[in-house]
Structure formats: C-alpha cells, structure tokens
N, C-alpha and C. Protein backbone atom coordinates (compact mmCIF):
# COMPACT_ATOMS: atom_id res chain seq x y z
N MET A 1 48.47 69.36 60.10
CA MET A 1 47.70 69.17 58.91
C MET A 1 47.86 67.73 58.42
N MET A 2 46.71 67.06 58.19
CA MET A 2 46.74 65.67 57.74
C MET A 2 46.94 65.63 56.23
N SER A 3 47.75 64.71 55.82
CA SER A 3 47.90 64.54 54.37
C SER A 3 47.10 63.32 53.94
N THR A 4 46.56 63.41 52.76
CA THR A 4 45.78 62.31 52.22
C THR A 4 46.69 61.43 51.39
N PRO A 5 46.71 60.13 51.66
CA PRO A 5 47.57 59.27 50.84
C PRO A 5 47.05 59.23 49.41
N HIS A 6 47.94 59.28 48.47
CA HIS A 6 47.58 59.22 47.06
C HIS A 6 47.96 57.86 46.51
N LEU A 7 47.04 57.27 45.78
CA LEU A 7 47.35 56.00 45.12
C LEU A 7 48.03 56.32 43.80
N ARG A 8 49.11 55.70 43.58
CA ARG A 8 49.80 55.87 42.30
C ARG A 8 49.14 54.95 41.29
N SER A 9 49.05 55.43 40.06
CA SER A 9 48.37 54.65 39.02
C SER A 9 49.07 53.32 38.76
N HIS A 10 50.35 53.20 39.06
CA HIS A 10 51.07 51.95 38.81
C HIS A 10 51.07 51.02 40.02
N ASP A 11 50.41 51.40 41.10
CA ASP A 11 50.34 50.58 42.30
C ASP A 11 49.39 49.42 42.06
N GLN A 12 49.92 48.24 41.83
CA GLN A 12 49.13 47.05 41.51
C GLN A 12 48.62 46.31 42.75
N SER A 13 49.02 46.73 43.94
CA SER A 13 48.64 45.99 45.14
C SER A 13 47.14 46.01 45.41
N ARG A 14 46.41 46.93 44.84
CA ARG A 14 44.98 47.03 45.08
C ARG A 14 44.14 46.53 43.90
N VAL A 15 44.77 46.15 42.83
CA VAL A 15 44.04 45.70 41.65
C VAL A 15 43.58 44.26 41.86
N ARG A 16 42.29 44.05 41.72
CA ARG A 16 41.74 42.70 41.85
C ARG A 16 41.74 41.96 40.52
N GLN A 17 41.63 42.72 39.43
CA GLN A 17 41.62 42.12 38.10
C GLN A 17 42.00 43.20 37.10
N GLU A 18 42.91 42.88 36.21
CA GLU A 18 43.27 43.80 35.14
C GLU A 18 42.04 44.06 34.30
N TRP A 19 41.87 45.29 33.82
CA TRP A 19 40.64 45.66 33.13
C TRP A 19 40.45 44.91 31.82
N ASP A 20 41.49 44.50 31.15
CA ASP A 20 41.34 43.84 29.86
C ASP A 20 41.54 42.33 29.96
N ALA A 21 41.34 41.79 31.17
CA ALA A 21 41.48 40.35 31.40
C ALA A 21 40.12 39.75 31.71
N VAL A 22 39.97 38.48 31.45
CA VAL A 22 38.71 37.79 31.75
C VAL A 22 39.01 36.65 32.72
N ALA A 23 38.31 36.66 33.83
CA ALA A 23 38.47 35.64 34.87
C ALA A 23 37.39 34.57 34.68
N ASP A 24 37.50 33.51 35.46
CA ASP A 24 36.44 32.50 35.46
C ASP A 24 35.13 33.18 35.83
N ASN A 25 34.04 32.62 35.34
CA ASN A 25 32.74 33.24 35.60
C ASN A 25 31.80 32.23 36.24
N GLY A 26 30.84 32.75 36.97
CA GLY A 26 29.85 31.91 37.63
C GLY A 26 28.80 31.37 36.68
N LEU A 27 28.86 31.75 35.41
CA LEU A 27 27.88 31.29 34.42
C LEU A 27 28.32 29.99 33.77
N HIS A 28 29.52 29.56 34.10
CA HIS A 28 30.10 28.33 33.56
C HIS A 28 30.24 28.35 32.04
N LEU A 29 30.48 29.55 31.50
CA LEU A 29 30.85 29.65 30.10
C LEU A 29 32.36 29.45 30.02
N GLU A 30 32.81 28.75 29.00
CA GLU A 30 34.24 28.53 28.84
C GLU A 30 34.94 29.87 28.74
N GLN A 31 36.14 29.94 29.29
CA GLN A 31 36.85 31.21 29.37
C GLN A 31 37.13 31.80 27.99
N ASP A 32 37.45 30.98 27.00
CA ASP A 32 37.70 31.53 25.66
C ASP A 32 36.43 32.13 25.05
N VAL A 33 35.29 31.51 25.33
CA VAL A 33 34.00 32.04 24.87
C VAL A 33 33.70 33.35 25.59
N ALA A 34 33.87 33.35 26.91
CA ALA A 34 33.62 34.56 27.70
C ALA A 34 34.53 35.69 27.25
N LYS A 35 35.79 35.39 26.98
CA LYS A 35 36.73 36.43 26.54
C LYS A 35 36.29 37.05 25.22
N GLU A 36 35.85 36.24 24.29
CA GLU A 36 35.39 36.75 23.00
C GLU A 36 34.15 37.65 23.18
N LEU A 37 33.25 37.22 24.06
CA LEU A 37 32.04 38.02 24.32
C LEU A 37 32.36 39.31 25.06
N VAL A 38 33.27 39.25 26.02
CA VAL A 38 33.66 40.45 26.77
C VAL A 38 34.28 41.48 25.82
N THR A 39 35.12 41.02 24.91
CA THR A 39 35.71 41.94 23.94
C THR A 39 34.62 42.61 23.10
N ALA A 40 33.66 41.82 22.63
CA ALA A 40 32.55 42.38 21.83
C ALA A 40 31.73 43.35 22.67
N LEU A 41 31.39 42.97 23.88
CA LEU A 41 30.56 43.81 24.73
C LEU A 41 31.29 45.08 25.17
N ASN A 42 32.60 45.01 25.34
CA ASN A 42 33.35 46.23 25.68
C ASN A 42 33.31 47.22 24.52
N SER A 43 33.20 46.71 23.32
CA SER A 43 33.02 47.60 22.17
C SER A 43 31.66 48.29 22.25
N GLU A 44 30.63 47.55 22.68
CA GLU A 44 29.30 48.15 22.84
C GLU A 44 29.33 49.23 23.92
N VAL A 45 29.92 48.90 25.06
CA VAL A 45 29.98 49.86 26.17
C VAL A 45 30.73 51.12 25.75
N SER A 46 31.84 50.94 25.06
CA SER A 46 32.63 52.09 24.62
C SER A 46 31.85 52.96 23.64
N GLY A 47 31.19 52.33 22.70
CA GLY A 47 30.37 53.09 21.75
C GLY A 47 29.24 53.81 22.44
N LEU A 48 28.63 53.16 23.42
CA LEU A 48 27.54 53.79 24.17
C LEU A 48 28.03 55.00 24.97
N TYR A 49 29.20 54.87 25.60
CA TYR A 49 29.78 56.00 26.33
C TYR A 49 29.93 57.20 25.41
N ILE A 50 30.53 56.97 24.25
CA ILE A 50 30.77 58.08 23.32
C ILE A 50 29.45 58.65 22.82
N LEU A 51 28.52 57.78 22.42
CA LEU A 51 27.25 58.26 21.91
C LEU A 51 26.47 59.00 22.99
N PHE A 52 26.48 58.48 24.22
CA PHE A 52 25.82 59.18 25.33
C PHE A 52 26.35 60.60 25.47
N ASN A 53 27.67 60.75 25.52
CA ASN A 53 28.26 62.07 25.72
C ASN A 53 27.94 63.00 24.55
N GLN A 54 27.91 62.47 23.36
CA GLN A 54 27.57 63.28 22.19
C GLN A 54 26.10 63.71 22.23
N VAL A 55 25.21 62.77 22.51
CA VAL A 55 23.78 63.09 22.59
C VAL A 55 23.53 64.09 23.72
N ARG A 56 24.18 63.89 24.84
CA ARG A 56 24.00 64.80 25.98
C ARG A 56 24.48 66.21 25.62
N LYS A 57 25.62 66.28 24.94
CA LYS A 57 26.14 67.58 24.49
C LYS A 57 25.13 68.27 23.57
N HIS A 58 24.55 67.51 22.66
CA HIS A 58 23.58 68.09 21.73
C HIS A 58 22.32 68.55 22.48
N TYR A 59 21.94 67.82 23.51
CA TYR A 59 20.82 68.24 24.36
C TYR A 59 21.12 69.59 25.02
N TRP A 60 22.34 69.73 25.53
CA TRP A 60 22.71 70.98 26.20
C TRP A 60 22.70 72.15 25.23
N LEU A 61 23.02 71.89 23.97
CA LEU A 61 23.23 72.98 23.01
C LEU A 61 22.10 73.19 22.02
N VAL A 62 21.07 72.35 22.05
CA VAL A 62 19.99 72.49 21.06
C VAL A 62 19.32 73.84 21.23
N GLU A 63 19.00 74.44 20.08
CA GLU A 63 18.33 75.75 20.10
C GLU A 63 17.47 75.86 18.86
N GLY A 64 16.66 76.88 18.81
CA GLY A 64 15.81 77.10 17.65
C GLY A 64 14.38 76.67 17.94
N THR A 65 13.57 76.67 16.88
CA THR A 65 12.15 76.38 17.04
C THR A 65 11.87 74.96 17.50
N GLU A 66 12.81 74.06 17.26
CA GLU A 66 12.61 72.66 17.65
C GLU A 66 13.19 72.36 19.04
N LEU A 67 13.56 73.38 19.76
CA LEU A 67 14.20 73.21 21.07
C LEU A 67 13.48 72.21 21.95
N LYS A 68 12.19 72.39 22.15
CA LYS A 68 11.44 71.54 23.09
C LYS A 68 11.35 70.08 22.62
N PRO A 69 10.82 69.79 21.43
CA PRO A 69 10.70 68.38 21.06
C PRO A 69 12.05 67.68 20.88
N ILE A 70 13.00 68.34 20.25
CA ILE A 70 14.30 67.69 20.06
C ILE A 70 15.04 67.60 21.39
N GLY A 71 14.98 68.64 22.19
CA GLY A 71 15.61 68.60 23.51
C GLY A 71 15.05 67.48 24.37
N ASP A 72 13.73 67.33 24.39
CA ASP A 72 13.10 66.25 25.16
C ASP A 72 13.55 64.89 24.65
N PHE A 73 13.56 64.73 23.32
CA PHE A 73 13.99 63.46 22.76
C PHE A 73 15.44 63.14 23.15
N LEU A 74 16.33 64.13 22.99
CA LEU A 74 17.74 63.89 23.30
C LEU A 74 17.96 63.58 24.78
N GLU A 75 17.22 64.25 25.64
CA GLU A 75 17.33 63.97 27.08
C GLU A 75 16.90 62.53 27.38
N ASP A 76 15.79 62.12 26.82
CA ASP A 76 15.30 60.75 27.03
C ASP A 76 16.24 59.73 26.38
N ALA A 77 16.76 60.06 25.20
CA ALA A 77 17.68 59.15 24.51
C ALA A 77 18.94 58.94 25.34
N ALA A 78 19.46 60.01 25.95
CA ALA A 78 20.65 59.88 26.81
C ALA A 78 20.36 58.96 27.99
N ASP A 79 19.16 59.06 28.57
CA ASP A 79 18.78 58.18 29.67
C ASP A 79 18.73 56.72 29.20
N ARG A 80 18.20 56.48 28.01
CA ARG A 80 18.16 55.11 27.47
C ARG A 80 19.57 54.58 27.21
N LEU A 81 20.45 55.43 26.73
CA LEU A 81 21.83 55.01 26.49
C LEU A 81 22.52 54.65 27.81
N THR A 82 22.23 55.40 28.86
CA THR A 82 22.78 55.09 30.18
C THR A 82 22.30 53.73 30.67
N GLU A 83 21.02 53.46 30.50
CA GLU A 83 20.46 52.16 30.92
C GLU A 83 21.11 51.02 30.14
N MET A 84 21.27 51.20 28.84
CA MET A 84 21.91 50.16 28.03
C MET A 84 23.35 49.93 28.48
N THR A 85 24.07 51.02 28.73
CA THR A 85 25.46 50.91 29.17
C THR A 85 25.54 50.12 30.47
N ASP A 86 24.69 50.45 31.42
CA ASP A 86 24.69 49.73 32.70
C ASP A 86 24.39 48.25 32.50
N ASP A 87 23.38 47.93 31.72
CA ASP A 87 23.01 46.53 31.51
C ASP A 87 24.15 45.73 30.88
N ILE A 88 24.80 46.32 29.91
CA ILE A 88 25.88 45.59 29.22
C ILE A 88 27.12 45.51 30.11
N ALA A 89 27.41 46.57 30.85
CA ALA A 89 28.55 46.52 31.77
C ALA A 89 28.34 45.44 32.84
N ILE A 90 27.14 45.30 33.33
CA ILE A 90 26.83 44.26 34.32
C ILE A 90 27.01 42.88 33.69
N ARG A 91 26.61 42.72 32.42
CA ARG A 91 26.79 41.43 31.73
C ARG A 91 28.28 41.13 31.56
N ILE A 92 29.08 42.14 31.24
CA ILE A 92 30.53 41.94 31.11
C ILE A 92 31.08 41.41 32.42
N SER A 93 30.66 42.00 33.52
CA SER A 93 31.11 41.54 34.83
C SER A 93 30.69 40.10 35.09
N ALA A 94 29.45 39.76 34.74
CA ALA A 94 28.96 38.39 34.94
C ALA A 94 29.77 37.39 34.10
N LEU A 95 30.28 37.84 32.96
CA LEU A 95 31.08 36.96 32.10
C LEU A 95 32.52 36.84 32.58
N GLY A 96 32.88 37.58 33.63
CA GLY A 96 34.23 37.51 34.18
C GLY A 96 35.14 38.63 33.72
N GLY A 97 34.57 39.62 33.04
CA GLY A 97 35.37 40.73 32.54
C GLY A 97 35.22 41.98 33.37
N VAL A 98 35.95 42.99 32.98
CA VAL A 98 35.86 44.30 33.59
C VAL A 98 35.41 45.26 32.48
N PRO A 99 34.30 45.96 32.68
CA PRO A 99 33.82 46.87 31.64
C PRO A 99 34.84 47.96 31.31
N ALA A 100 34.97 48.26 30.03
CA ALA A 100 35.85 49.34 29.60
C ALA A 100 35.35 50.64 30.19
N CYS A 101 36.28 51.43 30.68
CA CYS A 101 35.94 52.75 31.19
C CYS A 101 37.19 53.60 31.11
N GLY A 102 37.01 54.87 31.24
CA GLY A 102 38.14 55.78 31.12
C GLY A 102 38.55 55.94 29.67
N PRO A 103 39.22 57.03 29.37
CA PRO A 103 39.56 57.34 27.98
C PRO A 103 40.34 56.25 27.25
N MET A 104 41.31 55.65 27.90
CA MET A 104 42.14 54.64 27.23
C MET A 104 41.31 53.41 26.84
N GLY A 105 40.54 52.89 27.76
CA GLY A 105 39.73 51.72 27.48
C GLY A 105 38.66 51.98 26.45
N ILE A 106 38.04 53.13 26.54
CA ILE A 106 36.96 53.46 25.60
C ILE A 106 37.53 53.64 24.20
N ARG A 107 38.62 54.36 24.07
CA ARG A 107 39.22 54.55 22.74
C ARG A 107 39.68 53.24 22.14
N GLN A 108 40.17 52.34 22.97
CA GLN A 108 40.67 51.06 22.47
C GLN A 108 39.55 50.23 21.86
N HIS A 109 38.35 50.31 22.42
CA HIS A 109 37.25 49.44 22.00
C HIS A 109 36.17 50.11 21.17
N ALA A 110 36.15 51.43 21.11
CA ALA A 110 35.01 52.15 20.52
C ALA A 110 34.92 51.98 19.00
N PRO A 111 33.70 51.72 18.51
CA PRO A 111 33.48 51.63 17.07
C PRO A 111 33.18 52.99 16.44
N ILE A 112 33.04 54.03 17.25
CA ILE A 112 32.76 55.37 16.74
C ILE A 112 33.77 56.35 17.35
N PHE A 113 33.90 57.49 16.72
CA PHE A 113 34.87 58.49 17.15
C PHE A 113 34.19 59.55 18.01
N ILE A 114 34.98 60.16 18.86
CA ILE A 114 34.50 61.25 19.70
C ILE A 114 34.37 62.51 18.85
N GLU A 115 33.21 63.12 18.90
CA GLU A 115 32.96 64.36 18.17
C GLU A 115 33.83 65.49 18.74
N GLU A 116 34.26 66.38 17.86
CA GLU A 116 34.99 67.57 18.32
C GLU A 116 34.12 68.34 19.31
N ALA A 117 34.74 69.14 20.15
CA ALA A 117 34.03 69.85 21.22
C ALA A 117 33.25 71.07 20.74
N HIS A 118 33.25 71.33 19.47
CA HIS A 118 32.58 72.53 18.94
C HIS A 118 31.06 72.46 19.08
N HIS A 119 30.42 73.61 18.95
CA HIS A 119 28.96 73.71 18.91
C HIS A 119 28.56 73.72 17.44
N TYR A 120 27.88 72.67 17.01
CA TYR A 120 27.47 72.51 15.62
C TYR A 120 25.99 72.86 15.47
N ASP A 121 25.58 73.13 14.22
CA ASP A 121 24.16 73.33 13.97
C ASP A 121 23.42 72.03 14.29
N ILE A 122 22.14 72.13 14.60
CA ILE A 122 21.38 70.98 15.08
C ILE A 122 21.26 69.89 14.02
N ARG A 123 21.12 70.25 12.75
CA ARG A 123 21.02 69.23 11.71
C ARG A 123 22.31 68.40 11.65
N SER A 124 23.46 69.06 11.66
CA SER A 124 24.75 68.34 11.65
C SER A 124 24.89 67.46 12.89
N SER A 125 24.47 67.99 14.03
CA SER A 125 24.55 67.24 15.28
C SER A 125 23.69 65.98 15.21
N LEU A 126 22.45 66.13 14.77
CA LEU A 126 21.55 64.98 14.69
C LEU A 126 22.02 63.97 13.65
N GLU A 127 22.63 64.46 12.56
CA GLU A 127 23.18 63.54 11.57
C GLU A 127 24.29 62.69 12.17
N ARG A 128 25.15 63.31 12.98
CA ARG A 128 26.21 62.54 13.65
C ARG A 128 25.62 61.57 14.67
N ASP A 129 24.58 62.00 15.36
CA ASP A 129 23.92 61.09 16.30
C ASP A 129 23.35 59.89 15.56
N LEU A 130 22.65 60.14 14.47
CA LEU A 130 22.08 59.06 13.67
C LEU A 130 23.17 58.12 13.17
N ASN A 131 24.28 58.67 12.72
CA ASN A 131 25.40 57.84 12.27
C ASN A 131 25.93 56.97 13.42
N GLY A 132 26.02 57.54 14.61
CA GLY A 132 26.47 56.77 15.77
C GLY A 132 25.52 55.63 16.09
N TYR A 133 24.23 55.91 16.09
CA TYR A 133 23.23 54.86 16.33
C TYR A 133 23.33 53.77 15.28
N ALA A 134 23.44 54.18 14.01
CA ALA A 134 23.50 53.20 12.92
C ALA A 134 24.75 52.34 13.02
N THR A 135 25.88 52.96 13.34
CA THR A 135 27.14 52.21 13.49
C THR A 135 27.01 51.18 14.60
N LEU A 136 26.44 51.60 15.73
CA LEU A 136 26.26 50.65 16.83
C LEU A 136 25.28 49.55 16.46
N ALA A 137 24.21 49.88 15.77
CA ALA A 137 23.21 48.87 15.40
C ALA A 137 23.82 47.80 14.50
N VAL A 138 24.62 48.22 13.53
CA VAL A 138 25.29 47.25 12.64
C VAL A 138 26.19 46.33 13.45
N GLN A 139 26.98 46.92 14.34
CA GLN A 139 27.88 46.12 15.16
C GLN A 139 27.11 45.17 16.07
N TRP A 140 26.01 45.67 16.65
CA TRP A 140 25.24 44.83 17.57
C TRP A 140 24.66 43.63 16.86
N ARG A 141 24.22 43.82 15.62
CA ARG A 141 23.70 42.67 14.86
C ARG A 141 24.78 41.60 14.71
N GLU A 142 26.00 42.04 14.43
CA GLU A 142 27.12 41.10 14.32
C GLU A 142 27.38 40.41 15.66
N HIS A 143 27.28 41.15 16.75
CA HIS A 143 27.56 40.57 18.06
C HIS A 143 26.42 39.68 18.56
N ILE A 144 25.21 39.95 18.11
CA ILE A 144 24.10 39.03 18.40
C ILE A 144 24.38 37.70 17.73
N GLU A 145 24.79 37.76 16.48
CA GLU A 145 25.13 36.54 15.75
C GLU A 145 26.29 35.80 16.43
N LEU A 146 27.30 36.55 16.89
CA LEU A 146 28.43 35.95 17.60
C LEU A 146 27.95 35.25 18.87
N ALA A 147 27.13 35.94 19.67
CA ALA A 147 26.62 35.34 20.91
C ALA A 147 25.81 34.08 20.61
N ASP A 148 25.02 34.11 19.54
CA ASP A 148 24.25 32.92 19.14
C ASP A 148 25.20 31.78 18.76
N GLN A 149 26.23 32.09 17.98
CA GLN A 149 27.19 31.06 17.56
C GLN A 149 27.94 30.47 18.74
N LEU A 150 28.20 31.30 19.75
CA LEU A 150 28.94 30.84 20.92
C LEU A 150 28.03 30.19 21.97
N GLY A 151 26.74 30.17 21.72
CA GLY A 151 25.80 29.51 22.63
C GLY A 151 25.43 30.33 23.86
N ASP A 152 25.55 31.65 23.79
CA ASP A 152 25.20 32.50 24.93
C ASP A 152 23.88 33.22 24.63
N ALA A 153 22.78 32.54 24.92
CA ALA A 153 21.45 33.07 24.64
C ALA A 153 21.15 34.32 25.47
N ALA A 154 21.66 34.39 26.68
CA ALA A 154 21.37 35.55 27.54
C ALA A 154 22.00 36.83 26.98
N THR A 155 23.24 36.74 26.52
CA THR A 155 23.89 37.91 25.92
C THR A 155 23.17 38.29 24.63
N SER A 156 22.81 37.30 23.85
CA SER A 156 22.09 37.55 22.60
C SER A 156 20.77 38.26 22.88
N GLU A 157 20.04 37.80 23.86
CA GLU A 157 18.74 38.41 24.22
C GLU A 157 18.92 39.84 24.71
N LEU A 158 19.94 40.07 25.54
CA LEU A 158 20.22 41.41 26.04
C LEU A 158 20.51 42.36 24.87
N LEU A 159 21.34 41.94 23.96
CA LEU A 159 21.66 42.78 22.80
C LEU A 159 20.46 43.00 21.91
N ARG A 160 19.65 41.94 21.71
CA ARG A 160 18.44 42.08 20.88
C ARG A 160 17.48 43.12 21.48
N ARG A 161 17.29 43.06 22.77
CA ARG A 161 16.37 43.99 23.44
C ARG A 161 16.85 45.43 23.26
N HIS A 162 18.14 45.64 23.47
CA HIS A 162 18.66 47.00 23.36
C HIS A 162 18.85 47.43 21.90
N LEU A 163 19.06 46.49 20.99
CA LEU A 163 19.12 46.83 19.57
C LEU A 163 17.80 47.45 19.13
N LYS A 164 16.72 46.92 19.64
CA LYS A 164 15.40 47.47 19.31
C LYS A 164 15.31 48.93 19.75
N THR A 165 15.83 49.25 20.91
CA THR A 165 15.83 50.63 21.40
C THR A 165 16.71 51.52 20.52
N LEU A 166 17.90 51.03 20.17
CA LEU A 166 18.78 51.78 19.28
C LEU A 166 18.09 52.09 17.96
N GLU A 167 17.44 51.08 17.40
CA GLU A 167 16.76 51.26 16.12
C GLU A 167 15.58 52.21 16.23
N GLU A 168 14.85 52.15 17.33
CA GLU A 168 13.72 53.07 17.52
C GLU A 168 14.21 54.51 17.62
N ASP A 169 15.28 54.73 18.35
CA ASP A 169 15.83 56.08 18.47
C ASP A 169 16.41 56.56 17.14
N ALA A 170 17.04 55.67 16.40
CA ALA A 170 17.57 56.02 15.08
C ALA A 170 16.43 56.42 14.15
N TYR A 171 15.33 55.72 14.24
CA TYR A 171 14.16 56.04 13.41
C TYR A 171 13.65 57.45 13.71
N VAL A 172 13.58 57.81 14.99
CA VAL A 172 13.13 59.14 15.37
C VAL A 172 14.10 60.20 14.83
N LEU A 173 15.39 59.96 14.98
CA LEU A 173 16.38 60.90 14.45
C LEU A 173 16.23 61.04 12.94
N ASP A 174 16.04 59.94 12.26
CA ASP A 174 15.86 59.97 10.81
C ASP A 174 14.64 60.80 10.44
N ARG A 175 13.59 60.69 11.21
CA ARG A 175 12.37 61.48 10.96
C ARG A 175 12.62 62.97 11.20
N TYR A 176 13.37 63.30 12.25
CA TYR A 176 13.71 64.70 12.49
C TYR A 176 14.52 65.27 11.33
N LEU A 177 15.33 64.45 10.70
CA LEU A 177 16.20 64.91 9.63
C LEU A 177 15.54 64.89 8.25
N ALA A 178 14.34 64.34 8.16
CA ALA A 178 13.66 64.27 6.87
C ALA A 178 13.36 65.67 6.35
N ASP A 179 13.34 65.80 5.04
CA ASP A 179 12.96 67.09 4.44
C ASP A 179 11.52 67.39 4.79
N ASP A 180 11.26 68.64 5.05
CA ASP A 180 9.90 69.09 5.33
C ASP A 180 9.16 69.15 4.00
N THR A 181 8.13 68.32 3.85
CA THR A 181 7.43 68.24 2.57
C THR A 181 6.61 69.48 2.28
N LEU A 182 6.42 70.37 3.24
CA LEU A 182 5.68 71.59 3.00
C LEU A 182 6.55 72.72 2.46
N VAL A 183 7.86 72.52 2.46
CA VAL A 183 8.79 73.54 1.98
C VAL A 183 9.05 73.31 0.50
N LEU A 184 8.76 74.33 -0.31
CA LEU A 184 9.03 74.24 -1.75
C LEU A 184 10.51 74.52 -1.97
N ARG A 185 11.16 73.66 -2.74
CA ARG A 185 12.57 73.83 -3.01
C ARG A 185 12.80 73.91 -4.50
N ASP A 186 13.75 74.69 -4.86
CA ASP A 186 14.19 74.78 -6.24
C ASP A 186 14.81 73.44 -6.63
N ALA A 187 14.52 72.92 -7.77
CA ALA A 187 15.01 71.63 -8.20
C ALA A 187 16.54 71.59 -8.27
N THR A 188 17.19 72.73 -8.34
CA THR A 188 18.65 72.76 -8.43
C THR A 188 19.32 72.79 -7.07
N GLY A 189 18.62 72.98 -6.02
CA GLY A 189 19.35 73.08 -4.78
C GLY A 189 18.61 72.88 -3.58
C-alpha cells in the first residue's frame, strides 16, 4: 500500500512568498506604495469572500413568494462578487502581494463579520446583505482615494468599476427591502 506524503503546515521549504509579504513588482511601483495598496486590496478580497458566502447562503435558503426574483438576483450577485474577487486578487498579485485566503487571512483583513450559520427570514438576510454591500462601498471609496493619492490609476480604475457594481446591487437590495406602498399599515406599527 502506497502512502501519500503529507505536507506539514510549518514546512517552509515550498513557500515562495509569505502571504502577508509584498515582493518587488513588475509594475515598478515602489514597494512601500505597493504594500499599502496590497493591504487595502486584501481587505476588499476578504470582505468579498465573506459577502459572497453570505449571499450564496441566502440564495440557497430563500423561500416564499419572492423565491424566483430574489433567488435569481442573489445567484447573479454571487457571480458578480466572484468576478470582483478574482479581479482584485489578480491585481494584488501584480502588485507583488499574495491575496488573502483561508480563514486566518480573511478574518485578519475583513471589514465585515461572518454571519451566524442559522437560517434567517429573508428580510433579515437581505438587510445583512445590504449592510455588507454598504460597508464595502464605503471602504472602497476610501481605497480609491488612497490609490489616487499613491499614483496608482489602474488600481483606482479597477475599484471604481467594481464600486459601481456594488452600488447597483445595493440599490436592488434596498428596493427589495422597501415597504410595499400597496399595504395599508396602522400608524402605530
């Protein structure tokens, strides 16, 4: 019987670059500038990972009369979050960094918290999704400004393009959460 060799997590002989380190980059950005941008972008990637998993969970669990439209939206939104994550992770690599991944890296950099594993009502779920989108959008605006200040137009443009997507999805979520104007409500509740 053949045994499969196991790599120990502390075996450094195969590591090409520590995940939280920034190497020289082919873009000729100064290393201190690249390091600051990689830190900011790893926060974006971490937030996207968490938001993706939350949105995907809500897609799996959506039920009720809005199943089809909300389910379709959440499925498409998860795909958009995946695309954004890939684009930003590739930019981190181009800047000489290693994209955050795995629970430790994501928790270290994430601007949002992981939702409990429970099955929540759809309104509560969508409210948390909207909060996640809004939190990321605020942070991205700050990081666009940072990229502009550091002279990295490409990172700024990448974030601007995806910020528009975040804001569009947040707008749709906000519309789903709006009160139905056809429902008469008692002024007290």
